[in-house]
Protein backbone atom coordinates (compact mmCIF):
# COMPACT_ATOMS: atom_id res chain seq x y z
CA MET A 1 -22.45 -11.55 85.40
CA GLU A 2 -22.71 -8.62 87.75
CA GLU A 3 -25.73 -8.74 90.08
CA ILE A 4 -27.37 -5.42 90.85
CA TYR A 5 -30.30 -5.00 93.24
CA ASN A 6 -32.69 -2.03 93.27
CA PRO A 7 -30.32 0.50 91.67
CA LYS A 8 -31.24 4.12 92.37
CA LYS A 9 -32.38 6.14 89.37
CA GLU A 10 -29.38 8.43 89.60
CA GLU A 11 -27.18 5.34 89.23
CA TRP A 12 -28.89 4.02 86.09
CA SER A 13 -26.56 5.68 83.58
CA GLN A 14 -23.57 3.99 85.23
CA VAL A 15 -25.35 0.65 85.68
CA LEU A 16 -26.50 0.58 82.04
CA MET A 17 -23.20 1.62 80.49
CA ARG A 18 -22.20 -0.34 77.39
CA PRO A 19 -18.82 -2.09 77.22
CA THR A 20 -17.68 -0.07 74.22
CA GLN A 21 -14.96 2.40 73.55
CA THR A 22 -16.04 6.01 73.16
CA TYR A 23 -16.40 7.63 69.75
CA ASN A 24 -13.36 9.78 70.46
CA ASP A 25 -11.16 6.73 71.10
CA ILE A 26 -11.87 5.40 67.61
CA GLU A 27 -12.37 8.57 65.56
CA GLU A 28 -8.67 9.33 65.10
CA ILE A 29 -7.97 5.85 63.69
CA VAL A 30 -10.96 6.02 61.33
CA ASN A 31 -10.10 9.50 60.03
CA LYS A 32 -6.54 8.42 59.26
CA ILE A 33 -7.71 5.44 57.20
CA PHE A 34 -10.39 7.50 55.44
CA GLU A 35 -7.83 10.12 54.42
CA ASP A 36 -5.47 7.43 53.13
CA VAL A 37 -8.15 5.60 51.10
CA LYS A 38 -9.48 8.85 49.65
CA LYS A 39 -5.98 9.78 48.48
CA ASN A 40 -4.52 6.39 47.51
CA GLY A 41 -7.49 4.18 46.64
CA ASN A 42 -6.77 0.47 46.21
CA LYS A 43 -3.20 0.88 47.44
CA ALA A 44 -4.46 2.04 50.84
CA VAL A 45 -7.19 -0.62 50.95
CA LYS A 46 -4.54 -3.27 50.29
CA LYS A 47 -2.34 -1.90 53.09
CA TYR A 48 -5.10 -2.02 55.71
CA SER A 49 -6.41 -5.38 54.52
CA LYS A 50 -2.91 -6.77 55.06
CA LYS A 51 -2.65 -5.12 58.47
CA TYR A 52 -6.08 -6.03 59.88
CA ASP A 53 -7.36 -9.00 57.86
CA LYS A 54 -3.93 -10.56 57.27
CA ILE A 55 -4.39 -10.92 53.50
CA ASP A 56 -2.16 -9.58 50.75
CA THR A 57 -4.00 -9.23 47.46
CA ASP A 58 -4.44 -6.80 44.59
CA ASN A 59 -7.73 -8.34 43.52
CA PHE A 60 -10.60 -7.65 45.91
CA LEU A 61 -13.43 -8.55 43.52
CA VAL A 62 -14.96 -12.01 43.88
CA SER A 63 -15.02 -13.79 40.50
CA GLU A 64 -17.93 -15.62 38.88
CA LEU A 65 -15.94 -18.84 39.23
CA GLU A 66 -15.57 -18.34 42.98
CA ILE A 67 -19.31 -17.82 43.29
CA LYS A 68 -20.05 -20.90 41.17
CA ASN A 69 -17.72 -23.04 43.27
CA ALA A 70 -19.27 -21.73 46.48
CA ILE A 71 -22.79 -22.60 45.36
CA SER A 72 -21.75 -26.19 44.73
CA LYS A 73 -20.55 -26.50 48.35
CA ILE A 74 -23.84 -25.56 50.06
CA ASP A 75 -25.90 -28.54 51.23
CA LYS A 76 -29.59 -28.76 50.40
CA GLU A 77 -30.72 -28.52 54.02
CA LEU A 78 -29.07 -25.12 54.41
CA ILE A 79 -30.36 -23.97 51.00
CA ASP A 80 -33.90 -24.87 52.05
CA ALA A 81 -33.49 -22.99 55.35
CA ILE A 82 -32.16 -19.88 53.58
CA GLN A 83 -34.98 -19.94 51.06
CA LEU A 84 -37.62 -20.29 53.81
CA ALA A 85 -36.10 -17.31 55.62
CA MET A 86 -35.93 -15.35 52.36
CA SER A 87 -39.60 -16.04 51.66
CA ASN A 88 -40.67 -14.77 55.09
CA ILE A 89 -38.44 -11.70 54.85
CA LYS A 90 -39.94 -10.90 51.43
CA LYS A 91 -43.49 -11.21 52.77
CA PHE A 92 -42.79 -8.95 55.74
CA HIS A 93 -41.07 -6.25 53.70
CA LYS A 94 -43.48 -6.34 50.73
CA ASN A 95 -46.20 -5.62 53.25
CA GLN A 96 -44.44 -2.30 53.93
CA VAL A 97 -44.98 -1.03 50.37
CA SER A 98 -47.04 2.14 50.63
CA SER A 99 -48.12 5.06 48.49
CA LEU A 100 -49.74 8.40 49.17
CA SER A 101 -52.64 9.56 47.02
CA PRO A 102 -52.43 13.08 45.53
CA ILE A 103 -54.18 15.68 47.65
CA GLU A 104 -55.58 19.07 46.69
CA THR A 105 -54.40 21.29 49.56
CA SER A 106 -56.25 24.29 48.10
CA LYS A 107 -58.40 24.42 44.99
CA GLY A 108 -56.03 24.18 42.04
CA VAL A 109 -53.03 23.20 44.23
CA LYS A 110 -52.21 19.51 43.84
CA CYS A 111 -49.44 17.85 45.92
CA TRP A 112 -48.19 14.28 46.08
CA GLN A 113 -45.18 12.06 46.77
CA GLU A 114 -43.47 9.39 44.71
CA LYS A 115 -40.76 6.95 45.79
CA ARG A 116 -37.55 6.33 43.87
CA ALA A 117 -35.12 3.56 44.74
CA ILE A 118 -31.65 4.59 45.88
CA GLN A 119 -29.59 3.65 42.82
CA LYS A 120 -26.30 2.63 44.46
CA ILE A 121 -26.16 0.98 47.87
CA GLY A 122 -23.35 -0.67 49.78
CA LEU A 123 -23.81 -3.59 52.17
CA TYR A 124 -21.31 -4.33 54.91
CA ILE A 125 -21.53 -7.95 56.03
CA PRO A 126 -19.48 -9.02 59.07
CA GLY A 127 -17.39 -12.14 58.47
CA GLY A 128 -14.54 -13.45 60.57
CA THR A 129 -15.49 -15.96 63.24
CA ALA A 130 -19.23 -15.57 62.58
CA PRO A 131 -20.02 -14.97 58.88
CA LEU A 132 -23.42 -13.27 59.01
CA PHE A 133 -24.95 -14.43 55.73
CA SER A 134 -28.37 -13.82 57.31
CA THR A 135 -27.65 -10.08 57.19
CA ILE A 136 -27.46 -10.32 53.39
CA LEU A 137 -31.06 -11.52 53.38
CA MET A 138 -32.08 -8.67 55.68
CA LEU A 139 -30.54 -6.01 53.43
CA ALA A 140 -30.45 -7.31 49.85
CA VAL A 141 -34.04 -8.62 49.86
CA PRO A 142 -35.64 -5.22 50.60
CA ALA A 143 -33.12 -3.60 48.23
CA GLN A 144 -34.44 -5.88 45.48
CA ILE A 145 -38.05 -5.11 46.38
CA ALA A 146 -37.30 -1.38 46.24
CA GLY A 147 -35.54 -1.74 42.87
CA CYS A 148 -32.01 -0.61 43.76
CA LYS A 149 -29.94 -0.97 40.58
CA GLU A 150 -26.46 -1.44 42.03
CA ILE A 151 -25.90 -3.48 45.21
CA ILE A 152 -22.26 -3.62 46.33
CA LEU A 153 -21.22 -5.97 49.13
CA CYS A 154 -18.06 -5.86 51.21
CA THR A 155 -17.13 -8.58 53.69
CA PRO A 156 -13.83 -9.57 55.32
CA PRO A 157 -12.16 -12.74 54.01
CA ASN A 158 -10.41 -15.41 56.05
CA ASN A 159 -6.62 -15.66 56.37
CA GLU A 160 -6.48 -17.44 53.02
CA GLY A 161 -8.24 -14.57 51.30
CA LYS A 162 -11.45 -16.53 50.82
CA ILE A 163 -15.04 -15.70 51.72
CA ASN A 164 -17.30 -18.21 53.41
CA PRO A 165 -19.23 -20.06 50.63
CA VAL A 166 -22.62 -19.45 52.25
CA ILE A 167 -22.05 -15.68 52.08
CA LEU A 168 -21.33 -15.97 48.35
CA TYR A 169 -24.33 -18.24 47.80
CA THR A 170 -26.72 -15.91 49.64
CA ALA A 171 -25.36 -12.78 47.94
CA ASN A 172 -25.80 -14.38 44.53
CA LEU A 173 -29.31 -15.55 45.44
CA CYS A 174 -30.31 -12.03 46.50
CA GLY A 175 -29.05 -10.27 43.38
CA VAL A 176 -25.93 -8.58 44.75
CA THR A 177 -24.12 -6.88 41.87
CA LYS A 178 -20.49 -7.11 43.04
CA ILE A 179 -18.82 -8.73 46.04
CA PHE A 180 -15.52 -7.48 47.45
CA LYS A 181 -13.13 -9.18 49.89
CA ILE A 182 -12.68 -6.21 52.20
CA GLY A 183 -13.53 -5.71 55.86
CA GLY A 184 -13.45 -3.07 58.54
CA ILE A 185 -12.86 0.65 58.20
CA GLN A 186 -11.17 0.21 54.82
CA ALA A 187 -14.37 -1.30 53.38
CA ILE A 188 -16.53 1.59 54.59
CA SER A 189 -14.05 4.17 53.32
CA ALA A 190 -13.75 2.42 49.93
CA MET A 191 -17.53 2.52 49.46
CA THR A 192 -17.56 6.15 50.63
CA PHE A 193 -15.03 7.49 48.13
CA GLY A 194 -14.79 4.76 45.51
CA THR A 195 -11.45 3.41 44.30
CA GLU A 196 -10.06 2.18 41.00
CA THR A 197 -12.17 -0.98 41.29
CA ILE A 198 -14.66 -0.44 44.13
CA PRO A 199 -17.68 1.75 43.24
CA LYS A 200 -18.72 4.71 45.35
CA VAL A 201 -22.21 4.22 46.78
CA TYR A 202 -24.94 6.60 47.93
CA LYS A 203 -25.92 4.78 51.13
CA ILE A 204 -24.21 2.17 53.33
CA PHE A 205 -26.11 -0.51 55.24
CA GLY A 206 -25.08 -3.17 57.71
CA PRO A 207 -23.87 -3.84 61.24
CA GLY A 208 -20.31 -4.19 62.44
CA ASN A 209 -17.97 -3.74 65.37
CA GLN A 210 -17.26 -0.41 67.07
CA PHE A 211 -14.79 0.61 64.35
CA VAL A 212 -17.23 -0.09 61.53
CA THR A 213 -19.99 1.80 63.37
CA VAL A 214 -17.84 4.91 63.80
CA ALA A 215 -16.62 4.60 60.20
CA LYS A 216 -20.21 4.65 58.98
CA GLN A 217 -20.93 7.75 61.06
CA ILE A 218 -17.86 9.51 59.66
CA ALA A 219 -18.89 8.50 56.11
CA THR A 220 -21.86 10.85 56.49
CA ASN A 221 -19.37 13.76 56.57
CA PHE A 222 -18.57 12.95 52.95
CA GLY A 223 -22.09 12.93 51.54
CA VAL A 224 -22.84 9.23 52.03
CA ALA A 225 -26.00 8.24 53.90
CA ILE A 226 -26.14 5.32 56.33
CA ASP A 227 -28.96 3.14 57.60
CA LEU A 228 -28.35 3.60 61.34
CA PRO A 229 -25.62 3.19 63.96
CA ALA A 230 -25.62 -0.60 64.35
CA GLY A 231 -22.69 -1.77 66.42
CA PRO A 232 -21.97 -4.58 68.89
CA SER A 233 -25.03 -6.72 69.56
CA GLU A 234 -27.07 -6.38 72.75
CA LEU A 235 -30.14 -7.96 74.31
CA LEU A 236 -32.31 -7.29 77.34
CA VAL A 237 -34.71 -9.85 78.79
CA VAL A 238 -37.42 -9.02 81.31
CA ALA A 239 -38.64 -11.99 83.36
CA ASP A 240 -40.39 -12.86 86.62
CA LYS A 241 -40.81 -15.87 88.88
CA THR A 242 -43.18 -17.54 86.37
CA SER A 243 -40.55 -17.56 83.61
CA ASN A 244 -38.49 -20.51 82.39
CA ALA A 245 -34.92 -20.00 83.62
CA SER A 246 -33.49 -22.36 81.00
CA PHE A 247 -35.16 -20.41 78.14
CA VAL A 248 -34.01 -17.07 79.56
CA ALA A 249 -30.42 -18.24 79.98
CA SER A 250 -30.36 -19.57 76.40
CA ASP A 251 -31.62 -16.22 75.08
CA LEU A 252 -28.93 -14.31 76.98
CA LEU A 253 -26.20 -16.64 75.73
CA SER A 254 -27.48 -16.43 72.15
CA GLN A 255 -26.50 -12.78 71.97
CA ALA A 256 -23.41 -13.05 74.17
CA GLU A 257 -21.83 -15.33 71.56
CA HIS A 258 -21.89 -12.60 68.88
CA GLY A 259 -18.67 -11.06 70.14
CA GLU A 260 -16.57 -10.10 73.11
CA ASP A 261 -18.04 -6.58 73.07
CA SER A 262 -21.67 -7.78 73.08
CA GLN A 263 -23.79 -7.15 76.15
CA VAL A 264 -26.82 -8.97 77.62
CA ILE A 265 -28.99 -7.91 80.53
CA LEU A 266 -31.65 -9.65 82.59
CA VAL A 267 -34.14 -7.43 84.40
CA SER A 268 -36.33 -9.33 86.86
CA THR A 269 -38.81 -8.64 89.63
CA SER A 270 -37.75 -11.89 91.35
CA ARG A 271 -34.51 -12.25 93.30
CA SER A 272 -34.75 -16.04 93.36
CA PHE A 273 -35.28 -16.19 89.58
CA ILE A 274 -32.05 -14.26 89.01
CA GLN A 275 -30.16 -16.96 90.87
CA LEU A 276 -31.83 -19.70 88.81
CA VAL A 277 -30.80 -17.97 85.57
CA LYS A 278 -27.26 -17.48 86.83
CA LYS A 279 -26.95 -21.24 87.46
CA GLU A 280 -28.43 -22.05 84.05
CA ILE A 281 -25.94 -19.77 82.33
CA GLU A 282 -23.04 -21.46 84.11
CA LYS A 283 -24.37 -24.85 82.99
CA GLN A 284 -25.22 -24.01 79.38
CA ILE A 285 -22.08 -22.01 78.67
CA GLU A 286 -19.84 -25.05 78.98
CA ASN A 287 -21.47 -26.71 75.96
CA LEU A 288 -20.98 -23.79 73.58
CA PRO A 289 -18.27 -23.94 70.88
CA ARG A 290 -17.72 -20.18 71.29
CA LYS A 291 -17.62 -20.30 75.09
CA GLU A 292 -14.38 -18.29 75.34
CA VAL A 293 -16.03 -15.41 73.47
CA VAL A 294 -19.20 -15.81 75.52
CA LYS A 295 -17.35 -15.72 78.84
CA ILE A 296 -15.80 -12.35 78.01
CA SER A 297 -19.16 -10.97 76.88
CA ILE A 298 -20.85 -12.27 80.03
CA GLU A 299 -18.33 -10.34 82.15
CA ASN A 300 -19.76 -7.15 80.60
CA SER A 301 -23.34 -8.20 81.31
CA LYS A 302 -25.78 -7.63 84.17
CA LEU A 303 -28.46 -9.30 86.26
CA ILE A 304 -30.68 -6.51 87.60
CA TYR A 305 -33.44 -6.83 90.20
CA CYS A 306 -36.23 -4.24 90.19
CA ILE A 307 -38.86 -4.09 92.90
CA SER A 308 -41.79 -3.46 90.53
CA ASN A 309 -42.87 -3.67 86.89
CA ASP A 310 -43.14 0.13 86.71
CA ILE A 311 -39.52 0.62 87.78
CA ALA A 312 -38.40 -2.18 85.49
CA ILE A 313 -39.98 -0.67 82.36
CA ASP A 314 -38.55 2.78 83.16
CA LEU A 315 -35.08 1.26 83.43
CA ILE A 316 -35.56 -0.72 80.19
CA ASN A 317 -36.69 2.38 78.29
CA GLU A 318 -33.63 4.20 79.59
CA TYR A 319 -31.37 1.42 78.30
CA ALA A 320 -33.19 1.29 74.92
CA PRO A 321 -32.14 -2.25 73.96
CA GLU A 322 -31.48 -3.43 70.44
CA HIS A 323 -33.40 -6.64 71.22
CA PHE A 324 -36.03 -6.82 73.96
CA ILE A 325 -37.50 -10.18 75.02
CA ILE A 326 -40.60 -10.26 77.24
CA HIS A 327 -40.71 -13.46 79.29
CA ALA A 328 -42.85 -11.98 82.07
CA LYS A 329 -46.40 -13.07 82.89
CA ASN A 330 -47.58 -9.47 82.50
CA ALA A 331 -46.43 -9.37 78.87
CA ASP A 332 -49.11 -6.92 77.71
CA PHE A 333 -47.90 -4.32 80.21
CA TYR A 334 -44.36 -4.44 78.83
CA LYS A 335 -45.54 -4.57 75.21
CA ASP A 336 -47.71 -1.47 75.69
CA GLU A 337 -45.20 0.50 77.78
CA ILE A 338 -42.00 -0.13 75.83
CA GLN A 339 -41.00 3.06 74.03
CA ASN A 340 -37.33 2.50 73.18
CA ALA A 341 -36.34 -0.80 71.57
CA GLY A 342 -35.11 -2.00 68.20
CA SER A 343 -37.18 -5.19 68.05
CA VAL A 344 -39.49 -6.84 70.60
CA PHE A 345 -39.99 -10.58 71.16
CA ILE A 346 -43.09 -11.55 73.13
CA GLY A 347 -43.56 -14.79 75.03
CA ALA A 348 -41.59 -17.85 76.06
CA TYR A 349 -41.64 -19.32 72.55
CA THR A 350 -40.34 -16.24 70.74
CA PRO A 351 -36.53 -16.43 70.94
CA GLU A 352 -34.47 -13.58 69.54
CA SER A 353 -32.90 -16.11 67.18
CA ALA A 354 -36.19 -16.18 65.24
CA GLY A 355 -35.81 -12.51 64.36
CA ASP A 356 -32.16 -13.01 63.48
CA TYR A 357 -33.01 -15.60 60.86
CA ALA A 358 -36.44 -16.60 59.72
CA SER A 359 -39.52 -14.93 61.23
CA GLY A 360 -39.38 -12.17 58.60
CA THR A 361 -38.59 -9.03 60.61
CA ASN A 362 -35.35 -7.20 59.93
CA HIS A 363 -32.44 -7.82 62.28
CA THR A 364 -30.46 -4.69 61.36
CA LEU A 365 -31.29 -2.65 64.45
CA PRO A 366 -30.08 0.37 66.45
CA THR A 367 -27.66 -0.37 69.30
CA ASN A 368 -25.88 1.57 72.03
CA GLY A 369 -29.04 3.43 73.07
CA TYR A 370 -29.84 4.71 69.57
CA ALA A 371 -33.23 2.96 69.74
CA LYS A 372 -34.39 6.10 71.53
CA ALA A 373 -34.34 7.89 68.19
CA TYR A 374 -33.70 5.34 65.42
CA SER A 375 -35.77 2.50 63.99
CA GLY A 376 -34.50 -0.77 62.58
CA VAL A 377 -34.10 -1.11 58.81
CA ILE A 378 -37.37 -1.08 56.86
CA LEU A 379 -38.25 -1.05 53.16
CA ASP A 380 -38.45 2.76 53.04
CA ASP A 381 -34.75 2.96 53.92
CA PHE A 382 -34.01 1.86 50.36
CA TYR A 383 -36.10 4.63 48.81
CA LYS A 384 -35.95 8.38 48.51
CA THR A 385 -39.35 10.03 48.71
CA ILE A 386 -39.73 12.95 46.31
CA SER A 387 -42.53 15.48 46.72
CA PHE A 388 -44.33 16.87 43.67
CA GLN A 389 -46.73 19.74 43.19
CA LYS A 390 -48.69 21.17 40.29
CA ILE A 391 -50.52 24.48 40.57
CA SER A 392 -53.10 25.86 38.13
CA LYS A 393 -53.74 29.53 37.46
CA GLU A 394 -56.69 29.33 39.83
CA GLY A 395 -54.53 27.61 42.43
CA LEU A 396 -51.87 30.34 42.35
CA LYS A 397 -54.61 32.97 42.76
CA ASN A 398 -55.83 31.11 45.84
CA ILE A 399 -52.47 30.96 47.65
CA GLY A 400 -50.45 33.69 45.87
CA SER A 401 -51.33 36.50 48.26
CA ALA A 402 -50.26 34.41 51.28
CA ILE A 403 -46.92 33.62 49.58
CA GLU A 404 -46.30 37.31 48.82
CA ILE A 405 -47.06 38.42 52.39
CA MET A 406 -44.87 35.71 53.95
CA ALA A 407 -41.96 36.29 51.56
CA GLU A 408 -42.01 40.02 52.22
CA ALA A 409 -42.10 39.42 55.97
CA GLU A 410 -38.94 37.33 55.64
CA GLY A 411 -37.27 40.02 53.54
CA LEU A 412 -37.04 37.77 50.45
CA GLN A 413 -38.23 40.05 47.69
CA ALA A 414 -37.26 37.75 44.82
CA HIS A 415 -39.48 35.05 46.30
CA LYS A 416 -42.38 37.53 46.29
CA ASN A 417 -41.61 38.67 42.76
CA ALA A 418 -41.75 35.10 41.42
CA VAL A 419 -45.42 35.03 42.47
CA THR A 420 -46.33 38.67 41.75
CA LEU A 421 -45.13 38.45 38.11
CA ARG A 422 -47.34 35.42 37.54
CA LEU A 423 -50.39 36.96 39.23
CA ASN A 424 -49.99 40.18 37.21
CA SER A 425 -49.76 38.18 33.98
């Protein structure tokens, strides 16, 4: 990991740069695949699945028999763990259910809002070397609570064209309507346009690599909404001399193992503590099954010393981490001053892994600095909120004159007439 001491503010943008390709590097590839899938449907999806996922199949849909066989392979201990996590996720998201009471803005003018579930949603679930079945819980559970009617799931298969059984088990448990063996850009484009067998959806959810993230952003050009830009995983830990170096190192490594393009950062007000963490990382990394992935990720990561808490929090807010762990003694300061973060973990016994799996909060979060403007996935992301209004004769008399004056000032005579005719009647 690169060690950086007291970086000047004008250097922060360079110091905090993510190890990702730029949008422009990827956009051309994504546009080409989108155009092909839009024009050729399943034929194009098959071509790119063969090229990128190394499978050659005409049947992307997972059968009932495959799901049944998968369920039989899941051991009870894992089932119990998934169901505990599901219960906590349900509790957290049900607590987000809200409604607004009708309000009379003027006498006779009644306004209110009602929520309607998005009817067709698509979930993208990363597979490959780390099948993220936990993401199904994070997305399908709130979709069920909201009442989404059609929940489509795409996930890349292995080289044999099969999907990890625990993904199939969890998807079935959470009420997913259809599961397709498709990954990458071709999955996002298939859900954007629809093909002969893959339904078009109204909104796409889920994290992915840089290519999936850009594909989701480009999908919005074709009338499909997305949850948020959620790309390669990242984590920032703030710690001081009172922190536990072993805990901090384990937290950093927990995110580094997501992928080679992940990034982890330690910000500390103690030079000596940075060295302790560096030694712990070197020790712990050797016992990890995914150590080759972790080592590449660690090369993209930083150990940053800041001279004070005030400078540290300014730097952290500039980075806007997806995950932010507070190990420092002055935890309340960082909790109160953090403005830009996807999810915050407070205290030595709150590992980021808890949020990834079972505490109940959602782990689909903004990355790459988007936490400055985006929130993580919440229940409302699965709804549309529709505004309603009902105006009585008395109500129109009360606000009609204001409407006429404003419409005329904007030069929109037909707008004025729609009120004047009613008032004259």
